[in-house]
């Protein structure tokens, strides 16, 4: 939180032209500058429930590959999510993974979060509830955090915020 009461996200840092971006103890006093961007806000939103609806099920197509980022539209699947939705309440399930890994979800116009939505081991079916922000086109991304292999992803919508 900044001194003005708003939330900021770390964007970058500079070290007065040094070639390395590894901060080490300098031999003499040095100046490092951190840059922060204003974090986008959702503002006060209303929550609307929908009957549980399957938005995504890769078991009917191809599993998501390790290290891939897939875009999912909230407007597909006939779940009744309007284009004005700003976030979704979801149940996210990892099914049939070939190796251990995790899934991370986020609006495509924001940096990928450091926290996972679902963690899983090879062959496990694991689920978790989540609230995911949507970008301006009512989409979000699913990042597959695995070194190798693939996993099927199932996403059920239970509500949206607007």
N, C-alpha and C. Protein backbone atom coordinates (compact mmCIF):
# COMPACT_ATOMS: atom_id res chain seq x y z
N UNK A 1 0.86 -1.16 0.00
CA UNK A 1 0.00 0.00 0.00
C UNK A 1 0.91 1.23 0.00
N UNK A 2 0.62 2.17 -0.88
CA UNK A 2 1.42 3.39 -0.96
C UNK A 2 0.98 4.42 0.06
N UNK A 3 1.73 5.49 0.17
CA UNK A 3 1.39 6.55 1.13
C UNK A 3 0.06 7.22 0.80
N UNK A 4 -0.40 7.06 -0.44
CA UNK A 4 -1.68 7.66 -0.84
C UNK A 4 -2.85 6.71 -0.60
N UNK A 5 -2.58 5.52 0.01
CA UNK A 5 -3.63 4.57 0.32
C UNK A 5 -3.98 3.64 -0.83
N UNK A 6 -3.33 3.82 -1.99
CA UNK A 6 -3.61 2.95 -3.13
C UNK A 6 -2.61 1.80 -3.15
N UNK A 7 -2.95 0.73 -3.88
CA UNK A 7 -2.09 -0.44 -3.97
C UNK A 7 -1.23 -0.36 -5.22
N UNK A 8 0.06 -0.69 -5.04
CA UNK A 8 1.02 -0.67 -6.14
C UNK A 8 1.66 -2.04 -6.29
N UNK A 9 2.06 -2.39 -7.53
CA UNK A 9 2.77 -3.63 -7.82
C UNK A 9 4.19 -3.31 -8.25
N UNK A 10 5.16 -4.11 -7.79
CA UNK A 10 6.54 -3.94 -8.21
C UNK A 10 6.62 -4.15 -9.72
N UNK A 11 7.28 -3.24 -10.43
CA UNK A 11 7.41 -3.35 -11.88
C UNK A 11 8.84 -3.67 -12.31
N UNK A 12 9.82 -2.93 -11.76
CA UNK A 12 11.21 -3.16 -12.15
C UNK A 12 12.13 -2.44 -11.19
N UNK A 13 13.41 -2.63 -11.39
CA UNK A 13 14.40 -1.89 -10.62
C UNK A 13 15.57 -1.56 -11.51
N UNK A 14 16.31 -0.55 -11.14
CA UNK A 14 17.51 -0.19 -11.90
C UNK A 14 18.64 0.06 -10.91
N UNK A 15 19.84 -0.11 -11.42
CA UNK A 15 21.02 0.01 -10.56
C UNK A 15 22.06 0.95 -11.16
N UNK A 16 21.58 2.06 -11.68
CA UNK A 16 22.45 3.11 -12.22
C UNK A 16 23.39 2.59 -13.29
N UNK A 17 22.91 1.69 -14.15
CA UNK A 17 23.69 1.27 -15.31
C UNK A 17 24.57 0.06 -15.13
N UNK A 18 24.57 -0.59 -13.99
CA UNK A 18 25.40 -1.79 -13.82
C UNK A 18 24.93 -2.87 -14.80
N UNK A 19 25.86 -3.71 -15.23
CA UNK A 19 25.53 -4.73 -16.22
C UNK A 19 24.73 -5.87 -15.62
N UNK A 20 24.92 -6.17 -14.36
CA UNK A 20 24.23 -7.29 -13.73
C UNK A 20 22.99 -6.83 -13.01
N UNK A 21 21.97 -7.65 -13.00
CA UNK A 21 20.76 -7.34 -12.24
C UNK A 21 20.70 -8.18 -10.98
N UNK A 22 21.86 -8.60 -10.50
CA UNK A 22 21.95 -9.29 -9.23
C UNK A 22 22.43 -8.27 -8.21
N UNK A 23 21.63 -8.06 -7.18
CA UNK A 23 22.02 -7.09 -6.17
C UNK A 23 23.05 -7.73 -5.27
N UNK A 24 24.20 -7.11 -5.20
CA UNK A 24 25.27 -7.56 -4.31
C UNK A 24 25.63 -6.38 -3.42
N UNK A 25 26.36 -6.64 -2.38
CA UNK A 25 26.80 -5.55 -1.52
C UNK A 25 27.84 -4.75 -2.29
N UNK A 26 27.53 -3.48 -2.60
CA UNK A 26 28.49 -2.69 -3.38
C UNK A 26 29.69 -2.30 -2.52
N UNK A 27 30.86 -2.07 -3.17
CA UNK A 27 32.06 -1.69 -2.43
C UNK A 27 31.94 -0.29 -1.82
N UNK A 28 31.07 0.51 -2.38
CA UNK A 28 30.85 1.86 -1.85
C UNK A 28 29.35 2.14 -1.93
N UNK A 29 28.87 3.20 -1.32
CA UNK A 29 27.43 3.48 -1.38
C UNK A 29 26.93 3.51 -2.82
N UNK A 30 25.78 2.92 -3.03
CA UNK A 30 25.19 2.84 -4.37
C UNK A 30 23.71 3.15 -4.27
N UNK A 31 23.12 3.49 -5.41
CA UNK A 31 21.70 3.80 -5.44
C UNK A 31 20.99 2.79 -6.32
N UNK A 32 19.94 2.22 -5.79
CA UNK A 32 19.09 1.32 -6.54
C UNK A 32 17.70 1.95 -6.56
N UNK A 33 17.04 1.90 -7.71
CA UNK A 33 15.72 2.50 -7.84
C UNK A 33 14.70 1.43 -8.18
N UNK A 34 13.66 1.34 -7.36
CA UNK A 34 12.56 0.41 -7.62
C UNK A 34 11.42 1.20 -8.23
N UNK A 35 10.78 0.61 -9.25
CA UNK A 35 9.64 1.24 -9.90
C UNK A 35 8.39 0.43 -9.61
N UNK A 36 7.33 1.12 -9.23
CA UNK A 36 6.06 0.47 -8.93
C UNK A 36 4.98 1.07 -9.80
N UNK A 37 4.07 0.22 -10.28
CA UNK A 37 2.92 0.67 -11.06
C UNK A 37 1.67 0.56 -10.20
N UNK A 38 0.73 1.43 -10.45
CA UNK A 38 -0.54 1.38 -9.74
C UNK A 38 -1.26 0.07 -10.07
N UNK A 39 -1.64 -0.67 -9.05
CA UNK A 39 -2.34 -1.93 -9.26
C UNK A 39 -3.75 -1.66 -9.75
N UNK A 40 -4.20 -2.39 -10.76
CA UNK A 40 -5.58 -2.21 -11.22
C UNK A 40 -6.54 -2.63 -10.11
N UNK A 41 -7.62 -1.91 -9.98
CA UNK A 41 -8.59 -2.23 -8.94
C UNK A 41 -9.90 -2.68 -9.57
N UNK A 42 -10.59 -3.50 -8.84
CA UNK A 42 -11.90 -3.95 -9.30
C UNK A 42 -13.01 -3.06 -8.77
N UNK A 43 -12.75 -2.37 -7.66
CA UNK A 43 -13.79 -1.55 -7.07
C UNK A 43 -14.85 -2.42 -6.43
N UNK A 44 -15.86 -1.81 -5.84
CA UNK A 44 -16.91 -2.63 -5.26
C UNK A 44 -17.71 -3.32 -6.36
N UNK A 45 -17.89 -4.62 -6.22
CA UNK A 45 -18.59 -5.40 -7.22
C UNK A 45 -19.73 -6.18 -6.58
N UNK A 46 -20.72 -6.51 -7.38
CA UNK A 46 -21.81 -7.36 -6.92
C UNK A 46 -21.52 -8.78 -7.39
N UNK A 47 -21.96 -9.76 -6.57
CA UNK A 47 -21.77 -11.17 -6.90
C UNK A 47 -23.09 -11.77 -7.35
N UNK A 48 -23.04 -12.50 -8.45
CA UNK A 48 -24.23 -13.17 -9.00
C UNK A 48 -23.93 -14.66 -9.12
N UNK A 49 -24.79 -15.48 -8.57
CA UNK A 49 -24.61 -16.93 -8.69
C UNK A 49 -25.19 -17.41 -10.01
N UNK A 50 -24.66 -18.50 -10.49
CA UNK A 50 -25.21 -19.20 -11.65
C UNK A 50 -25.27 -20.68 -11.28
N UNK A 51 -26.20 -21.42 -11.86
CA UNK A 51 -26.16 -22.87 -11.62
C UNK A 51 -24.80 -23.38 -12.07
N UNK A 52 -24.17 -24.28 -11.31
CA UNK A 52 -22.84 -24.77 -11.72
C UNK A 52 -22.84 -25.15 -13.20
N UNK A 53 -21.85 -24.63 -13.89
CA UNK A 53 -21.80 -24.78 -15.35
C UNK A 53 -20.37 -25.08 -15.78
N UNK A 54 -20.21 -26.08 -16.62
CA UNK A 54 -18.88 -26.46 -17.11
C UNK A 54 -18.44 -25.49 -18.21
N UNK A 55 -17.42 -24.70 -17.90
CA UNK A 55 -16.89 -23.74 -18.85
C UNK A 55 -15.80 -24.36 -19.72
N UNK A 56 -15.03 -25.30 -19.12
CA UNK A 56 -13.91 -25.91 -19.84
C UNK A 56 -13.75 -27.35 -19.38
N UNK A 57 -13.50 -28.24 -20.32
CA UNK A 57 -13.18 -29.63 -20.00
C UNK A 57 -12.28 -30.15 -21.13
N UNK A 58 -10.98 -30.20 -20.87
CA UNK A 58 -10.05 -30.61 -21.92
C UNK A 58 -10.08 -32.11 -22.16
N UNK A 59 -10.80 -32.86 -21.34
CA UNK A 59 -10.89 -34.30 -21.56
C UNK A 59 -11.61 -34.62 -22.86
N UNK A 60 -12.35 -33.66 -23.40
CA UNK A 60 -13.03 -33.86 -24.68
C UNK A 60 -12.18 -33.39 -25.86
N UNK A 61 -10.99 -32.87 -25.57
CA UNK A 61 -10.08 -32.42 -26.63
C UNK A 61 -8.66 -32.87 -26.26
N UNK A 62 -7.75 -31.94 -26.16
CA UNK A 62 -6.35 -32.28 -25.85
C UNK A 62 -5.97 -31.73 -24.48
N UNK A 63 -5.17 -32.50 -23.76
CA UNK A 63 -4.66 -32.05 -22.46
C UNK A 63 -3.75 -30.84 -22.66
N UNK A 64 -3.61 -30.04 -21.62
CA UNK A 64 -2.71 -28.89 -21.67
C UNK A 64 -1.27 -29.37 -21.40
N UNK A 65 -0.34 -28.91 -22.22
CA UNK A 65 1.05 -29.32 -22.13
C UNK A 65 1.79 -28.54 -21.04
N UNK A 66 2.82 -29.18 -20.50
CA UNK A 66 3.67 -28.56 -19.49
C UNK A 66 4.21 -27.22 -19.98
N UNK A 67 4.17 -26.21 -19.11
CA UNK A 67 4.71 -24.90 -19.44
C UNK A 67 3.84 -24.05 -20.34
N UNK A 68 2.70 -24.55 -20.75
CA UNK A 68 1.86 -23.79 -21.67
C UNK A 68 0.95 -22.82 -20.92
N UNK A 69 0.51 -21.80 -21.63
CA UNK A 69 -0.46 -20.84 -21.13
C UNK A 69 -1.63 -20.85 -22.10
N UNK A 70 -2.80 -21.14 -21.60
CA UNK A 70 -4.00 -21.25 -22.43
C UNK A 70 -4.98 -20.15 -22.05
N UNK A 71 -5.63 -19.55 -23.03
CA UNK A 71 -6.64 -18.51 -22.78
C UNK A 71 -8.02 -19.14 -22.79
N UNK A 72 -8.82 -18.78 -21.79
CA UNK A 72 -10.18 -19.31 -21.66
C UNK A 72 -11.13 -18.12 -21.63
N UNK A 73 -12.15 -18.15 -22.47
CA UNK A 73 -13.15 -17.09 -22.49
C UNK A 73 -14.30 -17.44 -21.54
N UNK A 74 -14.67 -16.50 -20.70
CA UNK A 74 -15.80 -16.70 -19.79
C UNK A 74 -17.12 -16.67 -20.54
N UNK A 75 -17.10 -16.17 -21.77
CA UNK A 75 -18.32 -16.03 -22.55
C UNK A 75 -18.69 -17.31 -23.29
N UNK A 76 -17.76 -18.24 -23.37
CA UNK A 76 -18.05 -19.51 -24.04
C UNK A 76 -18.71 -20.48 -23.08
N UNK A 77 -19.27 -21.51 -23.59
CA UNK A 77 -19.82 -22.56 -22.76
C UNK A 77 -21.25 -22.36 -22.30
N UNK A 78 -21.88 -21.24 -22.65
CA UNK A 78 -23.27 -21.02 -22.31
C UNK A 78 -23.55 -20.96 -20.82
N UNK A 79 -22.61 -20.41 -20.04
CA UNK A 79 -22.78 -20.38 -18.59
C UNK A 79 -23.51 -19.14 -18.09
N UNK A 80 -23.91 -18.26 -18.99
CA UNK A 80 -24.66 -17.08 -18.58
C UNK A 80 -23.81 -15.97 -17.98
N UNK A 81 -22.51 -15.99 -18.26
CA UNK A 81 -21.62 -14.93 -17.77
C UNK A 81 -21.68 -13.77 -18.77
N UNK A 82 -22.04 -12.56 -18.32
CA UNK A 82 -22.11 -11.44 -19.26
C UNK A 82 -20.73 -10.89 -19.59
N UNK A 83 -20.64 -10.17 -20.69
CA UNK A 83 -19.38 -9.56 -21.10
C UNK A 83 -18.89 -8.51 -20.11
N UNK A 84 -19.77 -8.04 -19.24
CA UNK A 84 -19.40 -7.03 -18.24
C UNK A 84 -18.84 -7.64 -16.97
N UNK A 85 -18.76 -8.96 -16.88
CA UNK A 85 -18.21 -9.62 -15.69
C UNK A 85 -16.75 -9.23 -15.52
N UNK A 86 -16.33 -9.02 -14.28
CA UNK A 86 -14.95 -8.63 -13.97
C UNK A 86 -14.15 -9.76 -13.34
N UNK A 87 -14.85 -10.76 -12.76
CA UNK A 87 -14.19 -11.90 -12.12
C UNK A 87 -15.17 -13.06 -12.06
N UNK A 88 -14.63 -14.28 -11.92
CA UNK A 88 -15.45 -15.49 -11.84
C UNK A 88 -15.17 -16.23 -10.54
N UNK A 89 -16.21 -16.85 -10.01
CA UNK A 89 -16.06 -17.82 -8.93
C UNK A 89 -16.07 -19.19 -9.60
N UNK A 90 -15.03 -19.98 -9.36
CA UNK A 90 -14.82 -21.22 -10.10
C UNK A 90 -14.51 -22.40 -9.19
N UNK A 91 -14.66 -23.59 -9.76
CA UNK A 91 -14.06 -24.80 -9.22
C UNK A 91 -13.12 -25.27 -10.32
N UNK A 92 -11.84 -25.41 -9.99
CA UNK A 92 -10.82 -25.79 -10.97
C UNK A 92 -10.29 -27.18 -10.60
N UNK A 93 -10.28 -28.09 -11.58
CA UNK A 93 -9.86 -29.47 -11.33
C UNK A 93 -8.76 -29.87 -12.30
N UNK A 94 -7.71 -30.49 -11.76
CA UNK A 94 -6.64 -31.08 -12.57
C UNK A 94 -6.89 -32.58 -12.60
N UNK A 95 -6.91 -33.16 -13.80
CA UNK A 95 -7.26 -34.57 -13.98
C UNK A 95 -6.22 -35.25 -14.86
N UNK A 96 -5.81 -36.44 -14.49
CA UNK A 96 -4.97 -37.26 -15.36
C UNK A 96 -3.60 -36.68 -15.68
N UNK A 97 -2.98 -36.04 -14.71
CA UNK A 97 -1.66 -35.46 -14.97
C UNK A 97 -0.62 -36.57 -15.13
N UNK A 98 0.32 -36.33 -16.02
CA UNK A 98 1.36 -37.33 -16.26
C UNK A 98 2.54 -37.16 -15.30
N UNK A 99 2.71 -35.97 -14.74
CA UNK A 99 3.74 -35.69 -13.74
C UNK A 99 3.18 -34.69 -12.73
N UNK A 100 3.91 -34.43 -11.68
CA UNK A 100 3.49 -33.46 -10.68
C UNK A 100 3.55 -32.05 -11.24
N UNK A 101 2.70 -31.17 -10.69
CA UNK A 101 2.73 -29.79 -11.15
C UNK A 101 1.67 -28.96 -10.46
N UNK A 102 1.34 -27.86 -11.08
CA UNK A 102 0.32 -26.95 -10.54
C UNK A 102 -0.31 -26.15 -11.67
N UNK A 103 -1.47 -25.56 -11.38
CA UNK A 103 -2.15 -24.66 -12.30
C UNK A 103 -2.21 -23.29 -11.64
N UNK A 104 -1.97 -22.25 -12.43
CA UNK A 104 -2.14 -20.87 -11.98
C UNK A 104 -3.10 -20.18 -12.93
N UNK A 105 -4.06 -19.43 -12.37
CA UNK A 105 -5.06 -18.72 -13.17
C UNK A 105 -4.96 -17.23 -12.91
N UNK A 106 -5.20 -16.42 -13.96
CA UNK A 106 -5.14 -14.98 -13.83
C UNK A 106 -5.70 -14.32 -15.09
N UNK A 107 -6.13 -13.09 -14.94
CA UNK A 107 -6.51 -12.31 -16.13
C UNK A 107 -5.29 -12.18 -17.02
N UNK A 108 -5.48 -12.25 -18.33
CA UNK A 108 -4.36 -12.22 -19.26
C UNK A 108 -3.60 -10.90 -19.26
N UNK A 109 -4.24 -9.82 -18.81
CA UNK A 109 -3.57 -8.53 -18.83
C UNK A 109 -2.84 -8.21 -17.52
N UNK A 110 -2.72 -9.19 -16.64
CA UNK A 110 -2.00 -9.03 -15.38
C UNK A 110 -0.86 -10.02 -15.31
N UNK A 111 0.16 -9.72 -14.50
CA UNK A 111 1.25 -10.68 -14.35
C UNK A 111 0.76 -11.99 -13.75
N UNK A 112 1.37 -13.09 -14.14
CA UNK A 112 1.02 -14.38 -13.60
C UNK A 112 1.29 -14.40 -12.10
N UNK A 113 0.34 -14.87 -11.29
CA UNK A 113 0.57 -14.86 -9.84
C UNK A 113 1.64 -15.88 -9.45
N UNK A 114 2.26 -15.67 -8.30
CA UNK A 114 3.25 -16.61 -7.78
C UNK A 114 2.59 -17.77 -7.05
N UNK A 115 1.30 -17.67 -6.80
CA UNK A 115 0.58 -18.70 -6.05
C UNK A 115 -0.22 -19.58 -7.00
N UNK A 116 -0.23 -20.85 -6.71
CA UNK A 116 -0.98 -21.77 -7.56
C UNK A 116 -2.43 -21.87 -7.11
N UNK A 117 -3.28 -22.25 -8.04
CA UNK A 117 -4.69 -22.49 -7.74
C UNK A 117 -4.89 -23.94 -7.34
N UNK A 118 -4.23 -24.85 -8.04
CA UNK A 118 -4.33 -26.29 -7.77
C UNK A 118 -2.94 -26.90 -7.89
N UNK A 119 -2.54 -27.71 -6.91
CA UNK A 119 -1.31 -28.50 -6.97
C UNK A 119 -1.70 -29.97 -7.12
N UNK A 120 -0.89 -30.74 -7.85
CA UNK A 120 -1.25 -32.14 -8.08
C UNK A 120 0.00 -32.98 -8.27
N UNK A 121 -0.14 -34.26 -8.01
CA UNK A 121 0.90 -35.25 -8.29
C UNK A 121 0.48 -36.05 -9.52
N UNK A 122 1.39 -36.81 -10.06
CA UNK A 122 1.09 -37.62 -11.25
C UNK A 122 -0.10 -38.52 -10.98
N UNK A 123 -1.06 -38.50 -11.88
CA UNK A 123 -2.22 -39.36 -11.80
C UNK A 123 -3.30 -38.92 -10.82
N UNK A 124 -3.05 -37.89 -10.05
CA UNK A 124 -4.05 -37.42 -9.08
C UNK A 124 -5.12 -36.57 -9.73
N UNK A 125 -6.33 -36.65 -9.17
CA UNK A 125 -7.38 -35.70 -9.51
C UNK A 125 -7.49 -34.78 -8.32
N UNK A 126 -7.23 -33.49 -8.54
CA UNK A 126 -7.26 -32.50 -7.45
C UNK A 126 -8.08 -31.31 -7.88
N UNK A 127 -8.87 -30.77 -6.94
CA UNK A 127 -9.74 -29.63 -7.24
C UNK A 127 -9.58 -28.56 -6.17
N UNK A 128 -9.95 -27.34 -6.53
CA UNK A 128 -9.91 -26.22 -5.59
C UNK A 128 -10.88 -25.14 -6.09
N UNK A 129 -11.44 -24.41 -5.15
CA UNK A 129 -12.27 -23.25 -5.49
C UNK A 129 -11.35 -22.06 -5.70
N UNK A 130 -11.78 -21.14 -6.56
CA UNK A 130 -10.96 -19.96 -6.83
C UNK A 130 -11.84 -18.82 -7.31
N UNK A 131 -11.34 -17.62 -7.13
CA UNK A 131 -11.91 -16.44 -7.76
C UNK A 131 -10.82 -15.93 -8.69
N UNK A 132 -11.15 -15.80 -9.97
CA UNK A 132 -10.16 -15.35 -10.95
C UNK A 132 -10.66 -14.09 -11.63
N UNK A 133 -9.77 -13.13 -11.74
CA UNK A 133 -10.07 -11.89 -12.43
C UNK A 133 -10.15 -12.13 -13.92
N UNK A 134 -10.94 -11.33 -14.61
CA UNK A 134 -11.06 -11.41 -16.07
C UNK A 134 -10.43 -10.18 -16.70
N UNK A 135 -9.91 -10.32 -17.91
CA UNK A 135 -9.39 -9.16 -18.63
C UNK A 135 -10.55 -8.45 -19.33
N UNK A 136 -10.25 -7.44 -20.12
CA UNK A 136 -11.31 -6.63 -20.75
C UNK A 136 -12.15 -7.41 -21.75
N UNK A 137 -11.66 -8.55 -22.22
CA UNK A 137 -12.44 -9.38 -23.15
C UNK A 137 -13.13 -10.53 -22.42
N UNK A 138 -13.22 -10.46 -21.08
CA UNK A 138 -13.85 -11.48 -20.24
C UNK A 138 -13.14 -12.83 -20.36
N UNK A 139 -11.81 -12.79 -20.42
CA UNK A 139 -11.01 -14.01 -20.52
C UNK A 139 -10.01 -14.08 -19.38
N UNK A 140 -9.52 -15.29 -19.15
CA UNK A 140 -8.44 -15.51 -18.20
C UNK A 140 -7.50 -16.54 -18.78
N UNK A 141 -6.34 -16.68 -18.17
CA UNK A 141 -5.37 -17.66 -18.65
C UNK A 141 -5.19 -18.76 -17.61
N UNK A 142 -4.84 -19.93 -18.11
CA UNK A 142 -4.46 -21.06 -17.28
C UNK A 142 -3.02 -21.38 -17.63
N UNK A 143 -2.13 -21.27 -16.63
CA UNK A 143 -0.73 -21.62 -16.82
C UNK A 143 -0.49 -23.00 -16.21
N UNK A 144 0.16 -23.89 -16.97
CA UNK A 144 0.43 -25.24 -16.52
C UNK A 144 1.87 -25.31 -16.03
N UNK A 145 2.03 -25.34 -14.72
CA UNK A 145 3.36 -25.39 -14.11
C UNK A 145 3.84 -26.82 -13.93
N UNK A 146 4.39 -27.37 -15.00
CA UNK A 146 4.95 -28.72 -14.99
C UNK A 146 6.24 -28.68 -15.80
N UNK A 147 7.23 -29.46 -15.41
CA UNK A 147 8.48 -29.52 -16.17
C UNK A 147 8.29 -30.28 -17.48
N UNK A 148 7.54 -31.36 -17.42
CA UNK A 148 7.24 -32.17 -18.61
C UNK A 148 5.83 -32.72 -18.46
N UNK A 149 5.31 -33.28 -19.53
CA UNK A 149 4.02 -33.96 -19.46
C UNK A 149 2.84 -33.07 -19.79
N UNK A 150 1.67 -33.51 -19.31
CA UNK A 150 0.44 -32.78 -19.60
C UNK A 150 -0.59 -33.08 -18.51
N UNK A 151 -1.67 -32.30 -18.54
CA UNK A 151 -2.75 -32.46 -17.57
C UNK A 151 -4.05 -32.00 -18.22
N UNK A 152 -5.13 -32.66 -17.88
CA UNK A 152 -6.45 -32.20 -18.30
C UNK A 152 -6.96 -31.22 -17.26
N UNK A 153 -7.69 -30.22 -17.72
CA UNK A 153 -8.21 -29.16 -16.85
C UNK A 153 -9.72 -29.07 -17.01
N UNK A 154 -10.41 -29.04 -15.88
CA UNK A 154 -11.87 -28.88 -15.87
C UNK A 154 -12.17 -27.63 -15.05
N UNK A 155 -12.97 -26.72 -15.61
CA UNK A 155 -13.34 -25.48 -14.92
C UNK A 155 -14.86 -25.37 -14.91
N UNK A 156 -15.41 -25.27 -13.70
CA UNK A 156 -16.85 -25.07 -13.52
C UNK A 156 -17.09 -23.69 -12.91
N UNK A 157 -18.00 -22.93 -13.50
CA UNK A 157 -18.35 -21.60 -13.01
C UNK A 157 -19.52 -21.74 -12.04
N UNK A 158 -19.43 -21.05 -10.89
CA UNK A 158 -20.55 -21.04 -9.94
C UNK A 158 -21.08 -19.62 -9.70
N UNK A 159 -20.37 -18.63 -10.24
CA UNK A 159 -20.83 -17.25 -10.10
C UNK A 159 -19.87 -16.28 -10.76
N UNK A 160 -20.30 -15.01 -10.81
CA UNK A 160 -19.44 -13.98 -11.39
C UNK A 160 -19.64 -12.68 -10.62
N UNK A 161 -18.65 -11.79 -10.74
CA UNK A 161 -18.67 -10.47 -10.13
C UNK A 161 -18.76 -9.43 -11.23
N UNK A 162 -19.59 -8.41 -11.03
CA UNK A 162 -19.63 -7.28 -11.97
C UNK A 162 -20.03 -6.02 -11.23
